[in-house]
C-alpha atoms as a PDB file:
ATOM      1  CA  MET A   1      -2.076  13.923   9.176  1.00  0.00           C
ATOM      2  CA  THR A   2      -3.794  11.039  10.958  1.00  0.00           C
ATOM      3  CA  LYS A   3      -2.058   7.858  11.983  1.00  0.00           C
ATOM      4  CA  GLU A   4      -3.553   4.677   9.745  1.00  0.00           C
ATOM      5  CA  LYS A   5      -3.648   1.560  10.825  1.00  0.00           C
ATOM      6  CA  HIS A   6      -1.563  -0.332   7.948  1.00  0.00           C
ATOM      7  CA  ILE A   7       0.192   2.363   6.628  1.00  0.00           C
ATOM      8  CA  THR A   8       3.307   3.921   7.489  1.00  0.00           C
ATOM      9  CA  ARG A   9       5.432   7.102   6.235  1.00  0.00           C
ATOM     10  CA  TYR A  10       8.739   5.632   4.082  1.00  0.00           C
ATOM     11  CA  GLY A  11      11.632   7.442   2.943  1.00  0.00           C
ATOM     12  CA  LEU A  12      14.959   6.120   1.016  1.00  0.00           C
ATOM     13  CA  GLU A  13      17.389   7.859   1.434  1.00  0.00           C
ATOM     14  CA  GLN A  14      20.831   7.410  -0.679  1.00  0.00           C
ATOM     15  CA  GLY A  15      23.462   9.726  -1.477  1.00  0.00           C
ATOM     16  CA  GLN A  16      22.569  13.624  -1.076  1.00  0.00           C
ATOM     17  CA  GLY A  17      19.050  13.400  -0.991  1.00  0.00           C
ATOM     18  CA  TYR A  18      16.128  10.584  -0.776  1.00  0.00           C
ATOM     19  CA  THR A  19      15.298   8.749  -3.575  1.00  0.00           C
ATOM     20  CA  PHE A  20      12.019   7.526  -2.365  1.00  0.00           C
ATOM     21  CA  LYS A  21       9.055   9.296  -0.764  1.00  0.00           C
ATOM     22  CA  GLY A  22       5.744   8.043  -0.508  1.00  0.00           C
ATOM     23  CA  TRP A  23       3.440   5.613   1.732  1.00  0.00           C
ATOM     24  CA  ARG A  24       4.314   1.797   2.648  1.00  0.00           C
ATOM     25  CA  LEU A  25       0.770  -0.412   2.778  1.00  0.00           C
ATOM     26  CA  CYS A  26       1.792  -3.722   4.538  1.00  0.00           C
ATOM     27  CA  ILE A  27      -0.952  -6.066   5.145  1.00  0.00           C
ATOM     28  CA  THR A  28      -0.731  -9.469   6.704  1.00  0.00           C
ATOM     29  CA  ARG A  29      -2.738 -12.445   7.488  1.00  0.00           C
ATOM     30  CA  ASN A  30      -1.691 -15.732   8.498  1.00  0.00           C
ATOM     31  CA  GLY A  31       1.579 -15.286   7.602  1.00  0.00           C
ATOM     32  CA  VAL A  32       1.030 -13.961   3.902  1.00  0.00           C
ATOM     33  CA  ARG A  33       1.901 -10.532   3.178  1.00  0.00           C
ATOM     34  CA  PHE A  34       1.071  -7.560   0.815  1.00  0.00           C
ATOM     35  CA  VAL A  35       3.174  -4.899   0.614  1.00  0.00           C
ATOM     36  CA  ARG A  36       2.894  -1.495  -1.715  1.00  0.00           C
ATOM     37  CA  TYR A  37       4.588   1.586  -1.816  1.00  0.00           C
ATOM     38  CA  PHE A  38       2.726   5.132  -2.545  1.00  0.00           C
ATOM     39  CA  SER A  39       5.187   7.517  -4.419  1.00  0.00           C
ATOM     40  CA  ASP A  40       4.756  10.927  -3.722  1.00  0.00           C
ATOM     41  CA  LEU A  41       6.145  11.774  -7.005  1.00  0.00           C
ATOM     42  CA  LYS A  42       3.644   9.174  -8.681  1.00  0.00           C
ATOM     43  CA  TYR A  43       0.661  10.403  -7.117  1.00  0.00           C
ATOM     44  CA  GLY A  44       1.203  14.482  -7.067  1.00  0.00           C
ATOM     45  CA  GLY A  45       2.325  14.997  -3.416  1.00  0.00           C
ATOM     46  CA  ALA A  46       2.107  13.275   0.267  1.00  0.00           C
ATOM     47  CA  GLU A  47      -1.476  13.535   0.707  1.00  0.00           C
ATOM     48  CA  ASN A  48      -2.896  12.236  -3.049  1.00  0.00           C
ATOM     49  CA  ALA A  49      -0.394   9.210  -2.356  1.00  0.00           C
ATOM     50  CA  LEU A  50      -1.778   8.623   1.473  1.00  0.00           C
ATOM     51  CA  GLN A  51      -5.663   8.694  -0.305  1.00  0.00           C
ATOM     52  CA  GLN A  52      -4.740   6.012  -2.520  1.00  0.00           C
ATOM     53  CA  ALA A  53      -2.956   3.626  -0.048  1.00  0.00           C
ATOM     54  CA  VAL A  54      -6.117   4.106   2.297  1.00  0.00           C
ATOM     55  CA  ALA A  55      -8.566   3.762  -0.640  1.00  0.00           C
ATOM     56  CA  MET A  56      -6.376   0.680  -1.188  1.00  0.00           C
ATOM     57  CA  ARG A  57      -6.598  -0.624   2.311  1.00  0.00           C
ATOM     58  CA  GLU A  58     -10.137  -0.247   2.792  1.00  0.00           C
ATOM     59  CA  SER A  59     -10.850  -2.451  -0.674  1.00  0.00           C
ATOM     60  CA  MET A  60      -8.555  -4.745   0.352  1.00  0.00           C
ATOM     61  CA  LEU A  61      -9.621  -5.409   3.932  1.00  0.00           C
ATOM     62  CA  ALA A  62     -13.592  -5.575   2.708  1.00  0.00           C
ATOM     63  CA  GLU A  63     -12.358  -8.140   0.693  1.00  0.00           C
ATOM     64  CA  LEU A  64     -10.367  -9.918   3.370  1.00  0.00           C
ATOM     65  CA  GLN A  65     -13.436  -9.789   5.690  1.00  0.00           C
ATOM     66  CA  ALA A  66     -15.356 -12.717   3.703  1.00  0.00           C
ATOM     67  CA  ALA A  67     -15.393 -15.463   5.058  1.00  0.00           C
ATOM     68  CA  ASP A  68     -14.238 -17.898   2.180  1.00  0.00           C
ATOM     69  CA  ALA A  69     -11.775 -15.099   1.349  1.00  0.00           C
ATOM     70  CA  ASP A  70      -8.380 -16.670  -0.202  1.00  0.00           C
ATOM     71  CA  ARG A  71      -6.033 -14.105   0.988  1.00  0.00           C
ATOM     72  CA  THR A  72      -3.265 -15.402  -1.200  1.00  0.00           C
ATOM     73  CA  GLU A  73      -5.806 -14.707  -4.305  1.00  0.00           C
ATOM     74  CA  ILE A  74      -6.800 -11.055  -3.048  1.00  0.00           C
ATOM     75  CA  PHE A  75      -3.146 -10.400  -2.217  1.00  0.00           C
ATOM     76  CA  ASN A  76      -1.754 -11.499  -5.925  1.00  0.00           C
ATOM     77  CA  ARG A  77      -4.629  -9.885  -7.614  1.00  0.00           C
ATOM     78  CA  TYR A  78      -3.595  -6.318  -5.640  1.00  0.00           C
ATOM     79  CA  ARG A  79      -0.322  -6.952  -6.934  1.00  0.00           C
ATOM     80  CA  ARG A  80      -0.814  -7.136 -10.236  1.00  0.00           C
ATOM     81  CA  LEU A  81      -3.031  -3.499  -9.919  1.00  0.00           C
ATOM     82  CA  GLY A  82      -0.900  -1.006 -11.378  1.00  0.00           C
ATOM     83  CA  ASN A  83       1.754  -3.154 -13.156  1.00  0.00           C
ATOM     84  CA  GLU A  84      -0.221  -3.439 -16.304  1.00  0.00           C
ATOM     85  CA  SER A  85       1.867   0.196 -17.402  1.00  0.00           C
END
């Protein structure tokens, strides 16, 4: 797997094994931070979880590049994605 900007492999170990394995997307703009985790289990494996993280990163960065982009509004909208279920 190639190194992806703003995306890191993340595993939370507790007890005898991992309680979470996946990818962490973290974007910070002018002191405002967005963090989202993409679980291998939820997305059917490490590669699929990474693809989801990359897709969200690309979409967010495209929106953030607009001159009049409101980073707080964009980050809040992406935080709500996936929380409807």
